[in-house]
Amino acid sequence: PAVPAISDSYELNVRTYVHYEGVPGIWFLSLDASNPLAVVGA
């Protein structure tokens, strides 16, 4: 189960768009988050 105190966060991403050998995806320039545990874990 989720535990609200550690399982919730605001997040703000800065990203651009890339591909590798034909597979498209995202490259994150930065990810800001309000939950310090989420920051450390990620």
Full PDB file with SEQRES, HELIX, SHEET, SSBOND, CRYST1, ORIGX, SCALE, CONECT and MASTER records, all heavy atoms in Angstrom:
SEQRES   1 A   42  PRO ALA VAL PRO ALA ILE SER ASP SER TYR GLU LEU ASN          
SEQRES   2 A   42  VAL ARG THR TYR VAL HIS TYR GLU GLY VAL PRO GLY ILE          
SEQRES   3 A   42  TRP PHE LEU SER LEU ASP ALA SER ASN PRO LEU ALA VAL          
SEQRES   4 A   42  VAL GLY ALA                                                  
HELIX    1 AA1 PRO A    4  SER A    7  1                                   4    
HELIX    2 AA2 PRO A   36  GLY A   41  1                                   6    
SHEET    1 AA1 2 GLU A  11  TYR A  20  0                                        
SHEET    2 AA1 2 VAL A  23  ALA A  33 -1                                        
CRYST1    1.000    1.000    1.000  90.00  90.00  90.00 P 1           1          
ORIGX1      1.000000  0.000000  0.000000        0.00000                         
ORIGX2      0.000000  1.000000  0.000000        0.00000                         
ORIGX3      0.000000  0.000000  1.000000        0.00000                         
SCALE1      1.000000  0.000000  0.000000        0.00000                         
SCALE2      0.000000  1.000000  0.000000        0.00000                         
SCALE3      0.000000  0.000000  1.000000        0.00000                         
ATOM      1  N   PRO A   1       0.824  -1.211   0.000  1.00  0.00           N  
ATOM      2  CA  PRO A   1       0.000   0.000   0.000  1.00  0.00           C  
ATOM      3  C   PRO A   1       0.858   1.260   0.000  1.00  0.00           C  
ATOM      4  O   PRO A   1       2.019   1.242   0.409  1.00  0.00           O  
ATOM      5  CB  PRO A   1      -0.785  -0.124   1.316  1.00  0.00           C  
ATOM      6  CG  PRO A   1       0.125  -0.909   2.207  1.00  0.00           C  
ATOM      7  CD  PRO A   1       0.828  -1.894   1.303  1.00  0.00           C  
ATOM      8  N   ALA A   2       0.257   2.340  -0.473  1.00  0.00           N  
ATOM      9  CA  ALA A   2       0.921   3.639  -0.410  1.00  0.00           C  
ATOM     10  C   ALA A   2       0.797   4.215   0.995  1.00  0.00           C  
ATOM     11  O   ALA A   2      -0.201   3.993   1.681  1.00  0.00           O  
ATOM     12  CB  ALA A   2       0.312   4.587  -1.426  1.00  0.00           C  
ATOM     13  N   VAL A   3       1.805   4.934   1.423  1.00  0.00           N  
ATOM     14  CA  VAL A   3       1.807   5.634   2.705  1.00  0.00           C  
ATOM     15  C   VAL A   3       1.901   7.124   2.389  1.00  0.00           C  
ATOM     16  O   VAL A   3       2.947   7.584   1.907  1.00  0.00           O  
ATOM     17  CB  VAL A   3       2.986   5.192   3.590  1.00  0.00           C  
ATOM     18  CG1 VAL A   3       2.967   5.932   4.912  1.00  0.00           C  
ATOM     19  CG2 VAL A   3       2.952   3.683   3.802  1.00  0.00           C  
ATOM     20  N   PRO A   4       0.829   7.900   2.617  1.00  0.00           N  
ATOM     21  CA  PRO A   4       0.798   9.280   2.130  1.00  0.00           C  
ATOM     22  C   PRO A   4       2.016  10.121   2.498  1.00  0.00           C  
ATOM     23  O   PRO A   4       2.504  10.902   1.678  1.00  0.00           O  
ATOM     24  CB  PRO A   4      -0.481   9.834   2.760  1.00  0.00           C  
ATOM     25  CG  PRO A   4      -1.366   8.642   2.886  1.00  0.00           C  
ATOM     26  CD  PRO A   4      -0.446   7.502   3.223  1.00  0.00           C  
ATOM     27  N   ALA A   5       2.537   9.989   3.691  1.00  0.00           N  
ATOM     28  CA  ALA A   5       3.647  10.842   4.114  1.00  0.00           C  
ATOM     29  C   ALA A   5       4.896  10.638   3.271  1.00  0.00           C  
ATOM     30  O   ALA A   5       5.697  11.550   3.107  1.00  0.00           O  
ATOM     31  CB  ALA A   5       3.967  10.585   5.580  1.00  0.00           C  
ATOM     32  N   ILE A   6       5.069   9.434   2.733  1.00  0.00           N  
ATOM     33  CA  ILE A   6       6.271   9.151   1.948  1.00  0.00           C  
ATOM     34  C   ILE A   6       5.960   8.809   0.494  1.00  0.00           C  
ATOM     35  O   ILE A   6       6.882   8.647  -0.307  1.00  0.00           O  
ATOM     36  CB  ILE A   6       7.091   8.008   2.584  1.00  0.00           C  
ATOM     37  CG1 ILE A   6       6.285   6.709   2.632  1.00  0.00           C  
ATOM     38  CG2 ILE A   6       7.558   8.394   3.979  1.00  0.00           C  
ATOM     39  CD1 ILE A   6       7.081   5.511   3.131  1.00  0.00           C  
ATOM     40  N   SER A   7       4.684   8.710   0.152  1.00  0.00           N  
ATOM     41  CA  SER A   7       4.302   8.251  -1.192  1.00  0.00           C  
ATOM     42  C   SER A   7       3.753   9.358  -2.081  1.00  0.00           C  
ATOM     43  O   SER A   7       3.372   9.088  -3.221  1.00  0.00           O  
ATOM     44  CB  SER A   7       3.250   7.135  -1.084  1.00  0.00           C  
ATOM     45  OG  SER A   7       3.766   6.030  -0.392  1.00  0.00           O  
ATOM     46  N   ASP A   8       3.700  10.588  -1.574  1.00  0.00           N  
ATOM     47  CA  ASP A   8       3.153  11.705  -2.343  1.00  0.00           C  
ATOM     48  C   ASP A   8       4.219  12.777  -2.527  1.00  0.00           C  
ATOM     49  O   ASP A   8       5.075  12.975  -1.660  1.00  0.00           O  
ATOM     50  CB  ASP A   8       1.946  12.312  -1.637  1.00  0.00           C  
ATOM     51  CG  ASP A   8       0.810  11.308  -1.467  1.00  0.00           C  
ATOM     52  OD1 ASP A   8       0.834  10.264  -2.152  1.00  0.00           O  
ATOM     53  OD2 ASP A   8      -0.083  11.565  -0.643  1.00  0.00           O  
ATOM     54  N   SER A   9       4.137  13.488  -3.654  1.00  0.00           N  
ATOM     55  CA  SER A   9       5.109  14.542  -3.915  1.00  0.00           C  
ATOM     56  C   SER A   9       4.593  15.450  -5.016  1.00  0.00           C  
ATOM     57  O   SER A   9       3.901  14.999  -5.933  1.00  0.00           O  
ATOM     58  CB  SER A   9       6.456  13.932  -4.345  1.00  0.00           C  
ATOM     59  OG  SER A   9       7.449  14.920  -4.505  1.00  0.00           O  
ATOM     60  N   TYR A  10       4.910  16.735  -4.909  1.00  0.00           N  
ATOM     61  CA  TYR A  10       4.815  17.604  -6.068  1.00  0.00           C  
ATOM     62  C   TYR A  10       6.073  17.386  -6.907  1.00  0.00           C  
ATOM     63  O   TYR A  10       7.140  17.075  -6.365  1.00  0.00           O  
ATOM     64  CB  TYR A  10       4.734  19.074  -5.651  1.00  0.00           C  
ATOM     65  CG  TYR A  10       3.486  19.425  -4.883  1.00  0.00           C  
ATOM     66  CD1 TYR A  10       3.558  19.891  -3.575  1.00  0.00           C  
ATOM     67  CD2 TYR A  10       2.227  19.313  -5.468  1.00  0.00           C  
ATOM     68  CE1 TYR A  10       2.420  20.222  -2.867  1.00  0.00           C  
ATOM     69  CE2 TYR A  10       1.081  19.644  -4.765  1.00  0.00           C  
ATOM     70  CZ  TYR A  10       1.183  20.095  -3.463  1.00  0.00           C  
ATOM     71  OH  TYR A  10       0.050  20.408  -2.763  1.00  0.00           O  
ATOM     72  N   GLU A  11       5.940  17.554  -8.222  1.00  0.00           N  
ATOM     73  CA  GLU A  11       7.104  17.356  -9.076  1.00  0.00           C  
ATOM     74  C   GLU A  11       7.049  18.334 -10.256  1.00  0.00           C  
ATOM     75  O   GLU A  11       5.977  18.705 -10.723  1.00  0.00           O  
ATOM     76  CB  GLU A  11       7.173  15.914  -9.581  1.00  0.00           C  
ATOM     77  CG  GLU A  11       8.455  15.610 -10.331  1.00  0.00           C  
ATOM     78  CD  GLU A  11       8.747  14.116 -10.446  1.00  0.00           C  
ATOM     79  OE1 GLU A  11       8.567  13.385  -9.452  1.00  0.00           O  
ATOM     80  OE2 GLU A  11       9.150  13.700 -11.540  1.00  0.00           O  
ATOM     81  N   LEU A  12       8.226  18.745 -10.695  1.00  0.00           N  
ATOM     82  CA  LEU A  12       8.354  19.685 -11.803  1.00  0.00           C  
ATOM     83  C   LEU A  12       9.519  19.221 -12.677  1.00  0.00           C  
ATOM     84  O   LEU A  12      10.660  19.207 -12.229  1.00  0.00           O  
ATOM     85  CB  LEU A  12       8.617  21.096 -11.274  1.00  0.00           C  
ATOM     86  CG  LEU A  12       8.873  22.195 -12.294  1.00  0.00           C  
ATOM     87  CD1 LEU A  12       7.619  22.470 -13.106  1.00  0.00           C  
ATOM     88  CD2 LEU A  12       9.330  23.467 -11.602  1.00  0.00           C  
ATOM     89  N   ASN A  13       9.220  18.815 -13.900  1.00  0.00           N  
ATOM     90  CA  ASN A  13      10.232  18.262 -14.794  1.00  0.00           C  
ATOM     91  C   ASN A  13      10.589  19.246 -15.892  1.00  0.00           C  
ATOM     92  O   ASN A  13       9.712  19.938 -16.424  1.00  0.00           O  
ATOM     93  CB  ASN A  13       9.735  16.978 -15.454  1.00  0.00           C  
ATOM     94  CG  ASN A  13       9.419  15.894 -14.442  1.00  0.00           C  
ATOM     95  OD1 ASN A  13       9.904  15.922 -13.323  1.00  0.00           O  
ATOM     96  ND2 ASN A  13       8.585  14.938 -14.834  1.00  0.00           N  
ATOM     97  N   VAL A  14      11.855  19.254 -16.266  1.00  0.00           N  
ATOM     98  CA  VAL A  14      12.312  19.904 -17.488  1.00  0.00           C  
ATOM     99  C   VAL A  14      12.865  18.793 -18.370  1.00  0.00           C  
ATOM    100  O   VAL A  14      13.759  18.048 -17.946  1.00  0.00           O  
ATOM    101  CB  VAL A  14      13.393  20.967 -17.215  1.00  0.00           C  
ATOM    102  CG1 VAL A  14      13.816  21.627 -18.529  1.00  0.00           C  
ATOM    103  CG2 VAL A  14      12.879  22.017 -16.236  1.00  0.00           C  
ATOM    104  N   ARG A  15      12.333  18.657 -19.569  1.00  0.00           N  
ATOM    105  CA  ARG A  15      12.645  17.486 -20.373  1.00  0.00           C  
ATOM    106  C   ARG A  15      12.766  17.848 -21.843  1.00  0.00           C  
ATOM    107  O   ARG A  15      12.226  18.872 -22.291  1.00  0.00           O  
ATOM    108  CB  ARG A  15      11.563  16.426 -20.202  1.00  0.00           C  
ATOM    109  CG  ARG A  15      10.208  16.842 -20.758  1.00  0.00           C  
ATOM    110  CD  ARG A  15       9.110  15.905 -20.333  1.00  0.00           C  
ATOM    111  NE  ARG A  15       8.218  15.578 -21.450  1.00  0.00           N  
ATOM    112  CZ  ARG A  15       7.253  14.693 -21.402  1.00  0.00           C  
ATOM    113  NH1 ARG A  15       7.036  14.004 -20.282  1.00  0.00           N  
ATOM    114  NH2 ARG A  15       6.490  14.437 -22.446  1.00  0.00           N  
ATOM    115  N   THR A  16      13.459  16.992 -22.573  1.00  0.00           N  
ATOM    116  CA  THR A  16      13.484  17.092 -24.018  1.00  0.00           C  
ATOM    117  C   THR A  16      13.276  15.705 -24.597  1.00  0.00           C  
ATOM    118  O   THR A  16      13.110  14.725 -23.856  1.00  0.00           O  
ATOM    119  CB  THR A  16      14.776  17.750 -24.522  1.00  0.00           C  
ATOM    120  OG1 THR A  16      14.632  18.034 -25.926  1.00  0.00           O  
ATOM    121  CG2 THR A  16      15.997  16.868 -24.299  1.00  0.00           C  
ATOM    122  N   TYR A  17      13.278  15.614 -25.914  1.00  0.00           N  
ATOM    123  CA  TYR A  17      12.826  14.406 -26.605  1.00  0.00           C  
ATOM    124  C   TYR A  17      13.976  13.826 -27.420  1.00  0.00           C  
ATOM    125  O   TYR A  17      14.658  14.544 -28.161  1.00  0.00           O  
ATOM    126  CB  TYR A  17      11.609  14.753 -27.474  1.00  0.00           C  
ATOM    127  CG  TYR A  17      10.551  15.376 -26.608  1.00  0.00           C  
ATOM    128  CD1 TYR A  17      10.480  16.762 -26.456  1.00  0.00           C  
ATOM    129  CD2 TYR A  17       9.703  14.589 -25.851  1.00  0.00           C  
ATOM    130  CE1 TYR A  17       9.555  17.343 -25.606  1.00  0.00           C  
ATOM    131  CE2 TYR A  17       8.769  15.157 -24.995  1.00  0.00           C  
ATOM    132  CZ  TYR A  17       8.707  16.531 -24.873  1.00  0.00           C  
ATOM    133  OH  TYR A  17       7.805  17.099 -24.002  1.00  0.00           O  
ATOM    134  N   VAL A  18      14.186  12.530 -27.253  1.00  0.00           N  
ATOM    135  CA  VAL A  18      15.345  11.861 -27.821  1.00  0.00           C  
ATOM    136  C   VAL A  18      14.924  10.508 -28.385  1.00  0.00           C  
ATOM    137  O   VAL A  18      13.810  10.040 -28.151  1.00  0.00           O  
ATOM    138  CB  VAL A  18      16.446  11.657 -26.751  1.00  0.00           C  
ATOM    139  CG1 VAL A  18      16.967  12.993 -26.228  1.00  0.00           C  
ATOM    140  CG2 VAL A  18      15.932  10.788 -25.592  1.00  0.00           C  
ATOM    141  N   HIS A  19      15.856   9.883 -29.124  1.00  0.00           N  
ATOM    142  CA  HIS A  19      15.656   8.477 -29.476  1.00  0.00           C  
ATOM    143  C   HIS A  19      17.017   7.808 -29.556  1.00  0.00           C  
ATOM    144  O   HIS A  19      18.053   8.444 -29.765  1.00  0.00           O  
ATOM    145  CB  HIS A  19      14.839   8.304 -30.757  1.00  0.00           C  
ATOM    146  CG  HIS A  19      15.406   8.948 -31.981  1.00  0.00           C  
ATOM    147  ND1 HIS A  19      16.274   8.299 -32.837  1.00  0.00           N  
ATOM    148  CD2 HIS A  19      15.220  10.175 -32.520  1.00  0.00           C  
ATOM    149  CE1 HIS A  19      16.585   9.098 -33.844  1.00  0.00           C  
ATOM    150  NE2 HIS A  19      15.967  10.249 -33.677  1.00  0.00           N  
ATOM    151  N   TYR A  20      16.967   6.496 -29.356  1.00  0.00           N  
ATOM    152  CA  TYR A  20      18.170   5.672 -29.417  1.00  0.00           C  
ATOM    153  C   TYR A  20      17.856   4.427 -30.222  1.00  0.00           C  
ATOM    154  O   TYR A  20      16.953   3.667 -29.856  1.00  0.00           O  
ATOM    155  CB  TYR A  20      18.631   5.289 -28.006  1.00  0.00           C  
ATOM    156  CG  TYR A  20      19.859   4.401 -27.991  1.00  0.00           C  
ATOM    157  CD1 TYR A  20      21.133   4.940 -28.172  1.00  0.00           C  
ATOM    158  CD2 TYR A  20      19.748   3.029 -27.825  1.00  0.00           C  
ATOM    159  CE1 TYR A  20      22.259   4.131 -28.171  1.00  0.00           C  
ATOM    160  CE2 TYR A  20      20.866   2.208 -27.821  1.00  0.00           C  
ATOM    161  CZ  TYR A  20      22.119   2.772 -28.001  1.00  0.00           C  
ATOM    162  OH  TYR A  20      23.236   1.958 -28.004  1.00  0.00           O  
ATOM    163  N   GLU A  21      18.538   4.255 -31.331  1.00  0.00           N  
ATOM    164  CA  GLU A  21      18.320   3.113 -32.220  1.00  0.00           C  
ATOM    165  C   GLU A  21      16.834   2.926 -32.539  1.00  0.00           C  
ATOM    166  O   GLU A  21      16.299   1.817 -32.518  1.00  0.00           O  
ATOM    167  CB  GLU A  21      18.929   1.842 -31.630  1.00  0.00           C  
ATOM    168  CG  GLU A  21      20.461   1.924 -31.519  1.00  0.00           C  
ATOM    169  CD  GLU A  21      21.098   0.643 -31.047  1.00  0.00           C  
ATOM    170  OE1 GLU A  21      20.361  -0.245 -30.569  1.00  0.00           O  
ATOM    171  OE2 GLU A  21      22.329   0.531 -31.143  1.00  0.00           O  
ATOM    172  N   GLY A  22      16.167   4.029 -32.797  1.00  0.00           N  
ATOM    173  CA  GLY A  22      14.774   3.994 -33.224  1.00  0.00           C  
ATOM    174  C   GLY A  22      13.747   3.950 -32.120  1.00  0.00           C  
ATOM    175  O   GLY A  22      12.547   3.916 -32.401  1.00  0.00           O  
ATOM    176  N   VAL A  23      14.184   3.951 -30.863  1.00  0.00           N  
ATOM    177  CA  VAL A  23      13.242   3.907 -29.734  1.00  0.00           C  
ATOM    178  C   VAL A  23      13.123   5.301 -29.129  1.00  0.00           C  
ATOM    179  O   VAL A  23      14.069   5.807 -28.513  1.00  0.00           O  
ATOM    180  CB  VAL A  23      13.696   2.901 -28.659  1.00  0.00           C  
ATOM    181  CG1 VAL A  23      12.686   2.858 -27.524  1.00  0.00           C  
ATOM    182  CG2 VAL A  23      13.882   1.520 -29.277  1.00  0.00           C  
ATOM    183  N   PRO A  24      11.969   5.963 -29.278  1.00  0.00           N  
ATOM    184  CA  PRO A  24      11.813   7.325 -28.768  1.00  0.00           C  
ATOM    185  C   PRO A  24      11.579   7.343 -27.264  1.00  0.00           C  
ATOM    186  O   PRO A  24      10.983   6.428 -26.695  1.00  0.00           O  
ATOM    187  CB  PRO A  24      10.586   7.839 -29.527  1.00  0.00           C  
ATOM    188  CG  PRO A  24       9.762   6.601 -29.764  1.00  0.00           C  
ATOM    189  CD  PRO A  24      10.751   5.484 -29.974  1.00  0.00           C  
ATOM    190  N   GLY A  25      12.042   8.404 -26.641  1.00  0.00           N  
ATOM    191  CA  GLY A  25      11.850   8.541 -25.202  1.00  0.00           C  
ATOM    192  C   GLY A  25      12.123   9.957 -24.754  1.00  0.00           C  
ATOM    193  O   GLY A  25      12.111  10.905 -25.555  1.00  0.00           O  
ATOM    194  N   ILE A  26      12.363  10.077 -23.456  1.00  0.00           N  
ATOM    195  CA  ILE A  26      12.556  11.374 -22.809  1.00  0.00           C  
ATOM    196  C   ILE A  26      13.945  11.418 -22.194  1.00  0.00           C  
ATOM    197  O   ILE A  26      14.420  10.424 -21.626  1.00  0.00           O  
ATOM    198  CB  ILE A  26      11.493  11.601 -21.721  1.00  0.00           C  
ATOM    199  CG1 ILE A  26      10.099  11.743 -22.335  1.00  0.00           C  
ATOM    200  CG2 ILE A  26      11.809  12.823 -20.865  1.00  0.00           C  
ATOM    201  CD1 ILE A  26       8.980  11.693 -21.319  1.00  0.00           C  
ATOM    202  N   TRP A  27      14.570  12.588 -22.300  1.00  0.00           N  
ATOM    203  CA  TRP A  27      15.778  12.873 -21.529  1.00  0.00           C  
ATOM    204  C   TRP A  27      15.434  14.001 -20.566  1.00  0.00           C  
ATOM    205  O   TRP A  27      15.016  15.077 -20.980  1.00  0.00           O  
ATOM    206  CB  TRP A  27      16.944  13.283 -22.436  1.00  0.00           C  
ATOM    207  CG  TRP A  27      18.176  13.603 -21.641  1.00  0.00           C  
ATOM    208  CD1 TRP A  27      18.626  14.844 -21.279  1.00  0.00           C  
ATOM    209  CD2 TRP A  27      19.098  12.666 -21.071  1.00  0.00           C  
ATOM    210  NE1 TRP A  27      19.764  14.743 -20.537  1.00  0.00           N  
ATOM    211  CE2 TRP A  27      20.084  13.420 -20.394  1.00  0.00           C  
ATOM    212  CE3 TRP A  27      19.191  11.273 -21.080  1.00  0.00           C  
ATOM    213  CZ2 TRP A  27      21.152  12.810 -19.727  1.00  0.00           C  
ATOM    214  CZ3 TRP A  27      20.245  10.671 -20.419  1.00  0.00           C  
ATOM    215  CH2 TRP A  27      21.204  11.438 -19.750  1.00  0.00           C  
ATOM    216  N   PHE A  28      15.565  13.735 -19.274  1.00  0.00           N  
ATOM    217  CA  PHE A  28      15.259  14.739 -18.268  1.00  0.00           C  
ATOM    218  C   PHE A  28      16.477  15.612 -17.999  1.00  0.00           C  
ATOM    219  O   PHE A  28      17.548  15.108 -17.631  1.00  0.00           O  
ATOM    220  CB  PHE A  28      14.817  14.072 -16.959  1.00  0.00           C  
ATOM    221  CG  PHE A  28      13.451  13.447 -17.025  1.00  0.00           C  
ATOM    222  CD1 PHE A  28      13.305  12.067 -17.081  1.00  0.00           C  
ATOM    223  CD2 PHE A  28      12.320  14.239 -17.040  1.00  0.00           C  
ATOM    224  CE1 PHE A  28      12.048  11.486 -17.132  1.00  0.00           C  
ATOM    225  CE2 PHE A  28      11.056  13.663 -17.098  1.00  0.00           C  
ATOM    226  CZ  PHE A  28      10.920  12.292 -17.152  1.00  0.00           C  
ATOM    227  N   LEU A  29      16.296  16.919 -18.150  1.00  0.00           N  
ATOM    228  CA  LEU A  29      17.344  17.863 -17.782  1.00  0.00           C  
ATOM    229  C   LEU A  29      17.348  18.081 -16.278  1.00  0.00           C  
ATOM    230  O   LEU A  29      18.407  18.236 -15.666  1.00  0.00           O  
ATOM    231  CB  LEU A  29      17.143  19.189 -18.511  1.00  0.00           C  
ATOM    232  CG  LEU A  29      17.098  19.098 -20.045  1.00  0.00           C  
ATOM    233  CD1 LEU A  29      16.900  20.482 -20.636  1.00  0.00           C  
ATOM    234  CD2 LEU A  29      18.359  18.449 -20.597  1.00  0.00           C  
ATOM    235  N   SER A  30      16.168  18.094 -15.680  1.00  0.00           N  
ATOM    236  CA  SER A  30      16.068  18.181 -14.222  1.00  0.00           C  
ATOM    237  C   SER A  30      14.682  17.737 -13.799  1.00  0.00           C  
ATOM    238  O   SER A  30      13.720  17.790 -14.572  1.00  0.00           O  
ATOM    239  CB  SER A  30      16.328  19.608 -13.718  1.00  0.00           C  
ATOM    240  OG  SER A  30      15.384  20.526 -14.249  1.00  0.00           O  
ATOM    241  N   LEU A  31      14.600  17.284 -12.533  1.00  0.00           N  
ATOM    242  CA  LEU A  31      13.335  16.899 -11.921  1.00  0.00           C  
ATOM    243  C   LEU A  31      13.363  17.438 -10.495  1.00  0.00           C  
ATOM    244  O   LEU A  31      14.169  17.003  -9.672  1.00  0.00           O  
ATOM    245  CB  LEU A  31      13.146  15.375 -11.898  1.00  0.00           C  
ATOM    246  CG  LEU A  31      13.321  14.628 -13.225  1.00  0.00           C  
ATOM    247  CD1 LEU A  31      14.749  14.084 -13.335  1.00  0.00           C  
ATOM    248  CD2 LEU A  31      12.334  13.481 -13.343  1.00  0.00           C  
ATOM    249  N   ASP A  32      12.523  18.416 -10.223  1.00  0.00           N  
ATOM    250  CA  ASP A  32      12.425  18.969  -8.876  1.00  0.00           C  
ATOM    251  C   ASP A  32      11.253  18.317  -8.164  1.00  0.00           C  
ATOM    252  O   ASP A  32      10.202  18.093  -8.769  1.00  0.00           O  
ATOM    253  CB  ASP A  32      12.228  20.473  -8.931  1.00  0.00           C  
ATOM    254  CG  ASP A  32      13.493  21.215  -9.349  1.00  0.00           C  
ATOM    255  OD1 ASP A  32      14.276  20.663 -10.139  1.00  0.00           O  
ATOM    256  OD2 ASP A  32      13.693  22.337  -8.879  1.00  0.00           O  
ATOM    257  N   ALA A  33      11.420  18.010  -6.883  1.00  0.00           N  
ATOM    258  CA  ALA A  33      10.361  17.336  -6.124  1.00  0.00           C  
ATOM    259  C   ALA A  33      10.340  17.851  -4.701  1.00  0.00           C  
ATOM    260  O   ALA A  33      11.378  18.239  -4.137  1.00  0.00           O  
ATOM    261  CB  ALA A  33      10.559  15.822  -6.144  1.00  0.00           C  
ATOM    262  N   SER A  34       9.145  17.820  -4.122  1.00  0.00           N  
ATOM    263  CA  SER A  34       8.983  18.321  -2.757  1.00  0.00           C  
ATOM    264  C   SER A  34       9.271  17.269  -1.703  1.00  0.00           C  
ATOM    265  O   SER A  34       9.521  17.607  -0.542  1.00  0.00           O  
ATOM    266  CB  SER A  34       7.550  18.841  -2.571  1.00  0.00           C  
ATOM    267  OG  SER A  34       6.609  17.786  -2.765  1.00  0.00           O  
ATOM    268  N   ASN A  35       9.228  15.994  -2.078  1.00  0.00           N  
ATOM    269  CA  ASN A  35       9.429  14.913  -1.119  1.00  0.00           C  
ATOM    270  C   ASN A  35      10.901  14.514  -1.124  1.00  0.00           C  
ATOM    271  O   ASN A  35      11.398  13.959  -2.103  1.00  0.00           O  
ATOM    272  CB  ASN A  35       8.554  13.717  -1.501  1.00  0.00           C  
ATOM    273  CG  ASN A  35       8.574  12.616  -0.455  1.00  0.00           C  
ATOM    274  OD1 ASN A  35       9.588  12.369   0.170  1.00  0.00           O  
ATOM    275  ND2 ASN A  35       7.446  11.945  -0.292  1.00  0.00           N  
ATOM    276  N   PRO A  36      11.632  14.764  -0.026  1.00  0.00           N  
ATOM    277  CA  PRO A  36      13.067  14.454  -0.028  1.00  0.00           C  
ATOM    278  C   PRO A  36      13.363  12.972  -0.203  1.00  0.00           C  
ATOM    279  O   PRO A  36      14.396  12.612  -0.770  1.00  0.00           O  
ATOM    280  CB  PRO A  36      13.555  14.976   1.329  1.00  0.00           C  
ATOM    281  CG  PRO A  36      12.330  15.112   2.169  1.00  0.00           C  
ATOM    282  CD  PRO A  36      11.210  15.403   1.240  1.00  0.00           C  
ATOM    283  N   LEU A  37      12.461  12.100   0.258  1.00  0.00           N  
ATOM    284  CA  LEU A  37      12.683  10.668   0.065  1.00  0.00           C  
ATOM    285  C   LEU A  37      12.584  10.288  -1.406  1.00  0.00           C  
ATOM    286  O   LEU A  37      13.342   9.433  -1.895  1.00  0.00           O  
ATOM    287  CB  LEU A  37      11.680   9.866   0.893  1.00  0.00           C  
ATOM    288  CG  LEU A  37      11.844   9.946   2.412  1.00  0.00           C  
ATOM    289  CD1 LEU A  37      10.731   9.167   3.095  1.00  0.00           C  
ATOM    290  CD2 LEU A  37      13.201   9.414   2.832  1.00  0.00           C  
ATOM    291  N   ALA A  38      11.663  10.912  -2.120  1.00  0.00           N  
ATOM    292  CA  ALA A  38      11.550  10.658  -3.552  1.00  0.00           C  
ATOM    293  C   ALA A  38      12.805  11.108  -4.283  1.00  0.00           C  
ATOM    294  O   ALA A  38      13.281  10.439  -5.208  1.00  0.00           O  
ATOM    295  CB  ALA A  38      10.321  11.381  -4.115  1.00  0.00           C  
ATOM    296  N   VAL A  39      13.366  12.231  -3.871  1.00  0.00           N  
ATOM    297  CA  VAL A  39      14.592  12.743  -4.483  1.00  0.00           C  
ATOM    298  C   VAL A  39      15.738  11.763  -4.285  1.00  0.00           C  
ATOM    299  O   VAL A  39      16.430  11.371  -5.235  1.00  0.00           O  
ATOM    300  CB  VAL A  39      14.949  14.124  -3.905  1.00  0.00           C  
ATOM    301  CG1 VAL A  39      16.339  14.559  -4.363  1.00  0.00           C  
ATOM    302  CG2 VAL A  39      13.897  15.156  -4.303  1.00  0.00           C  
ATOM    303  N   VAL A  40      15.936  11.344  -3.054  1.00  0.00           N  
ATOM    304  CA  VAL A  40      17.044  10.434  -2.749  1.00  0.00           C  
ATOM    305  C   VAL A  40      16.865   9.097  -3.458  1.00  0.00           C  
ATOM    306  O   VAL A  40      17.797   8.546  -4.061  1.00  0.00           O  
ATOM    307  CB  VAL A  40      17.165  10.238  -1.228  1.00  0.00           C  
ATOM    308  CG1 VAL A  40      18.172   9.141  -0.897  1.00  0.00           C  
ATOM    309  CG2 VAL A  40      17.575  11.541  -0.552  1.00  0.00           C  
ATOM    310  N   GLY A  41      15.648   8.556  -3.417  1.00  0.00           N  
ATOM    311  CA  GLY A  41      15.395   7.256  -4.018  1.00  0.00           C  
ATOM    312  C   GLY A  41      15.583   7.261  -5.523  1.00  0.00           C  
ATOM    313  O   GLY A  41      16.196   6.354  -6.091  1.00  0.00           O  
ATOM    314  N   ALA A  42      15.077   8.282  -6.191  1.00  0.00           N  
ATOM    315  CA  ALA A  42      15.181   8.333  -7.648  1.00  0.00           C  
ATOM    316  C   ALA A  42      16.614   8.571  -8.102  1.00  0.00           C  
ATOM    317  O   ALA A  42      17.052   8.031  -9.117  1.00  0.00           O  
ATOM    318  CB  ALA A  42      14.266   9.421  -8.199  1.00  0.00           C  
TER     319      ALA A  42                                                      
MASTER        0    0    0    2    2    0    0    6  318    1    0    4          
END                                                                             
